[in-house]
Amino acid sequence: FSWTQAAPVMSLRLLDRCCVGSEDAIVDVGAGDSTLVDALLARGHREVTVLDAAPHALDRARARLINAGQATAAASVTWETGNVLTWCPRRSYRVWHDRAVFHFLTNPADRAAYVDLAGSAVTSGGFLIVATFAIDGPTHCSGLPVARYGPNELAAEFTPYFASLTADDEQHHTPWGAEQHFTWLVLQRRT
């Protein structure tokens, strides 16, 4: 849970830069029990997909919405359990959001598969918002090695399909008080 945030401030700030409408499809890849889905629903977004490999994390997010009196909203979300590398999206998305999945892909073939999937799932002119550990960020997370990126290195990974629009960085504070430096990037799907 080192990535846990009470409010997905940076995600929402970058979404605002993308001029996304309430009817635009958004997928949150590797969402776990993130509160981004809560914030999207509160903003009136109606086409939200939440993907994670851990079904219990998705169950916690769904239960949180239901316990907050948002059962109808929770039922409107497409909850998908699966590994992003083998996932077969049933639709296209205006926005692909990934906060801290891509940096776990240390194998070049896995990164290429991820980029190809995002390239095929994001609509022409759509957006990819991705956050990874920065160059000076942790080398491991949850006992696993990670790849670290600056904005240019991260943009280069997505060059076949996406053009970089804006970069940002964040000093994330973990629930136990440690700091983790993140690189954020907003890219736009080439036509």
Protein backbone atom coordinates (compact mmCIF):
# COMPACT_ATOMS: atom_id res chain seq x y z
CA PHE A 1 0.00 0.00 0.00
CA SER A 2 2.96 2.36 -0.37
CA TRP A 3 1.16 4.09 -3.26
CA THR A 4 -2.00 4.78 -1.22
CA GLN A 5 -3.27 8.37 -1.27
CA ALA A 6 -6.29 9.80 0.49
CA ALA A 7 -7.02 11.94 -2.58
CA PRO A 8 -5.66 11.46 -6.13
CA VAL A 9 -4.70 15.13 -6.48
CA MET A 10 -2.10 14.79 -9.26
CA SER A 11 -4.25 12.38 -11.27
CA LEU A 12 -7.18 14.80 -11.20
CA ARG A 13 -4.99 17.80 -11.99
CA LEU A 14 -3.60 16.06 -15.08
CA LEU A 15 -7.05 14.84 -16.14
CA ASP A 16 -8.21 18.45 -16.03
CA ARG A 17 -5.50 19.34 -18.56
CA CYS A 18 -6.94 16.76 -20.98
CA CYS A 19 -10.40 18.33 -21.30
CA VAL A 20 -12.17 15.03 -20.69
CA GLY A 21 -15.98 15.00 -20.79
CA SER A 22 -18.29 13.06 -18.50
CA GLU A 23 -19.18 10.66 -21.33
CA ASP A 24 -15.55 9.92 -22.27
CA ALA A 25 -14.35 6.43 -21.38
CA ILE A 26 -11.57 6.28 -18.78
CA VAL A 27 -9.62 3.22 -17.64
CA ASP A 28 -7.59 3.20 -14.42
CA VAL A 29 -4.95 0.50 -14.92
CA GLY A 30 -3.59 -1.14 -11.78
CA ALA A 31 -6.06 0.83 -9.71
CA GLY A 32 -6.14 -1.40 -6.65
CA ASP A 33 -8.48 0.25 -4.18
CA SER A 34 -7.48 3.77 -5.25
CA THR A 35 -9.92 6.59 -4.63
CA LEU A 36 -9.63 7.84 -8.22
CA VAL A 37 -12.82 5.97 -9.12
CA ASP A 38 -14.66 7.77 -6.29
CA ALA A 39 -13.42 11.14 -7.53
CA LEU A 40 -14.32 10.40 -11.16
CA LEU A 41 -17.85 9.35 -10.21
CA ALA A 42 -18.23 12.45 -8.01
CA ARG A 43 -17.26 14.56 -11.03
CA GLY A 44 -20.01 12.93 -13.07
CA HIS A 45 -17.95 10.57 -15.21
CA ARG A 46 -20.14 7.72 -16.41
CA GLU A 47 -17.79 5.49 -18.41
CA VAL A 48 -15.20 4.31 -15.89
CA THR A 49 -13.30 1.01 -16.02
CA VAL A 50 -11.12 -0.09 -13.10
CA LEU A 51 -8.52 -2.80 -13.80
CA ASP A 52 -6.34 -4.59 -11.27
CA ALA A 53 -4.77 -8.01 -10.87
CA ALA A 54 -6.01 -8.27 -7.28
CA PRO A 55 -9.74 -8.98 -6.99
CA HIS A 56 -9.73 -8.22 -3.25
CA ALA A 57 -8.48 -4.67 -3.97
CA LEU A 58 -11.33 -4.10 -6.40
CA ASP A 59 -13.76 -5.54 -3.84
CA ARG A 60 -12.51 -3.00 -1.26
CA ALA A 61 -12.99 -0.11 -3.70
CA ARG A 62 -16.48 -1.29 -4.63
CA ALA A 63 -17.40 -1.80 -0.94
CA ARG A 64 -16.11 1.68 -0.09
CA LEU A 65 -18.46 3.20 -2.68
CA ILE A 66 -21.41 1.09 -1.51
CA ASN A 67 -20.76 1.95 2.16
CA ALA A 68 -20.70 5.64 1.19
CA GLY A 69 -24.21 5.29 -0.25
CA GLN A 70 -22.96 5.06 -3.83
CA ALA A 71 -24.27 1.59 -4.72
CA THR A 72 -25.74 2.78 -8.02
CA ALA A 73 -22.48 4.49 -8.95
CA ALA A 74 -20.47 1.39 -7.98
CA ALA A 75 -22.74 -0.73 -10.19
CA SER A 76 -22.07 1.58 -13.15
CA VAL A 77 -18.31 0.99 -13.00
CA THR A 78 -16.78 -1.76 -15.11
CA TRP A 79 -14.65 -3.72 -12.61
CA GLU A 80 -12.07 -5.93 -14.34
CA THR A 81 -9.66 -8.35 -12.72
CA GLY A 82 -6.62 -9.18 -14.79
CA ASN A 83 -2.99 -8.67 -15.65
CA VAL A 84 -2.62 -5.63 -17.89
CA LEU A 85 -0.19 -7.57 -20.13
CA THR A 86 -2.82 -10.19 -20.98
CA TRP A 87 -5.92 -8.00 -20.69
CA CYS A 88 -8.21 -7.73 -23.72
CA PRO A 89 -10.15 -4.46 -23.46
CA ARG A 90 -13.72 -4.69 -24.71
CA ARG A 91 -13.77 -1.05 -25.74
CA SER A 92 -11.59 1.94 -26.56
CA TYR A 93 -10.76 4.67 -24.06
CA ARG A 94 -10.32 8.43 -24.25
CA VAL A 95 -8.02 8.25 -21.20
CA TRP A 96 -5.69 5.50 -19.98
CA HIS A 97 -4.52 6.24 -16.42
CA ASP A 98 -1.66 4.36 -14.77
CA ARG A 99 -0.24 5.41 -11.46
CA ALA A 100 2.63 3.03 -10.67
CA VAL A 101 2.17 -0.06 -12.84
CA PHE A 102 4.51 0.70 -15.75
CA HIS A 103 7.60 1.01 -13.55
CA PHE A 104 7.20 -2.64 -12.48
CA LEU A 105 7.77 -3.71 -16.09
CA THR A 106 11.53 -4.26 -16.07
CA ASN A 107 11.50 -6.64 -19.05
CA PRO A 108 11.67 -4.81 -22.41
CA ALA A 109 9.22 -7.29 -24.00
CA ASP A 110 6.67 -6.59 -21.25
CA ARG A 111 7.06 -2.84 -21.73
CA ALA A 112 6.59 -3.22 -25.49
CA ALA A 113 3.44 -5.32 -24.94
CA TYR A 114 2.06 -2.69 -22.56
CA VAL A 115 2.78 0.15 -25.01
CA ASP A 116 1.15 -1.79 -27.87
CA LEU A 117 -1.93 -2.45 -25.74
CA ALA A 118 -2.23 1.20 -24.68
CA GLY A 119 -1.70 2.26 -28.29
CA SER A 120 -4.53 0.03 -29.48
CA ALA A 121 -6.90 0.85 -26.59
CA VAL A 122 -6.63 4.66 -26.57
CA THR A 123 -8.66 6.49 -29.20
CA SER A 124 -6.99 8.76 -31.74
CA GLY A 125 -6.37 12.06 -29.96
CA GLY A 126 -6.96 10.40 -26.58
CA PHE A 127 -4.63 10.59 -23.60
CA LEU A 128 -2.31 8.40 -21.57
CA ILE A 129 -1.49 9.57 -18.05
CA VAL A 130 1.33 7.55 -16.53
CA ALA A 131 3.32 7.87 -13.31
CA THR A 132 6.50 5.99 -12.47
CA PHE A 133 9.27 6.30 -9.95
CA ALA A 134 11.58 9.14 -10.94
CA ILE A 135 15.27 8.69 -11.70
CA ASP A 136 16.07 9.34 -8.03
CA GLY A 137 13.08 7.30 -6.78
CA PRO A 138 13.21 3.89 -5.10
CA THR A 139 14.89 1.00 -6.91
CA HIS A 140 12.45 -1.52 -5.42
CA CYS A 141 8.81 -1.51 -4.39
CA SER A 142 6.97 -4.26 -2.52
CA GLY A 143 10.15 -6.33 -2.77
CA LEU A 144 10.24 -6.09 -6.58
CA PRO A 145 12.74 -4.23 -8.76
CA VAL A 146 11.38 -1.25 -10.68
CA ALA A 147 12.47 0.83 -13.66
CA ARG A 148 12.91 4.54 -12.97
CA TYR A 149 12.28 7.32 -15.46
CA GLY A 150 12.72 10.97 -16.13
CA PRO A 151 10.18 12.64 -18.45
CA ASN A 152 12.25 12.16 -21.61
CA GLU A 153 13.00 8.50 -20.94
CA LEU A 154 9.36 7.79 -20.15
CA ALA A 155 8.13 9.61 -23.28
CA ALA A 156 10.58 7.59 -25.40
CA GLU A 157 8.94 4.34 -24.26
CA PHE A 158 5.61 5.46 -25.78
CA THR A 159 6.92 7.18 -28.93
CA PRO A 160 5.45 4.72 -31.45
CA TYR A 161 1.90 5.73 -30.54
CA PHE A 162 1.97 8.80 -28.31
CA ALA A 163 3.40 12.32 -28.23
CA SER A 164 4.38 13.85 -24.90
CA LEU A 165 2.29 16.86 -23.87
CA THR A 166 3.28 17.71 -20.32
CA ALA A 167 5.40 16.38 -17.50
CA ASP A 168 5.22 16.89 -13.77
CA ASP A 169 6.80 15.42 -10.69
CA GLU A 170 5.53 14.59 -7.24
CA GLN A 171 7.02 13.82 -3.87
CA HIS A 172 4.60 11.13 -2.72
CA HIS A 173 4.40 10.54 1.03
CA THR A 174 3.70 6.91 1.88
CA PRO A 175 1.30 6.02 4.72
CA TRP A 176 4.35 5.35 6.95
CA GLY A 177 5.99 8.71 6.18
CA ALA A 178 8.61 7.83 3.56
CA GLU A 179 9.00 9.99 0.46
CA GLN A 180 8.93 8.56 -3.06
CA HIS A 181 9.74 10.77 -6.03
CA PHE A 182 7.44 10.18 -9.05
CA THR A 183 7.61 11.31 -12.67
CA TRP A 184 4.21 12.03 -14.23
CA LEU A 185 3.61 12.31 -17.95
CA VAL A 186 0.58 13.15 -20.08
CA LEU A 187 0.82 11.86 -23.63
CA GLN A 188 -1.61 12.17 -26.53
CA ARG A 189 -2.42 9.37 -28.97
CA ARG A 190 -1.13 10.18 -32.42
CA THR A 191 -3.69 10.20 -35.25
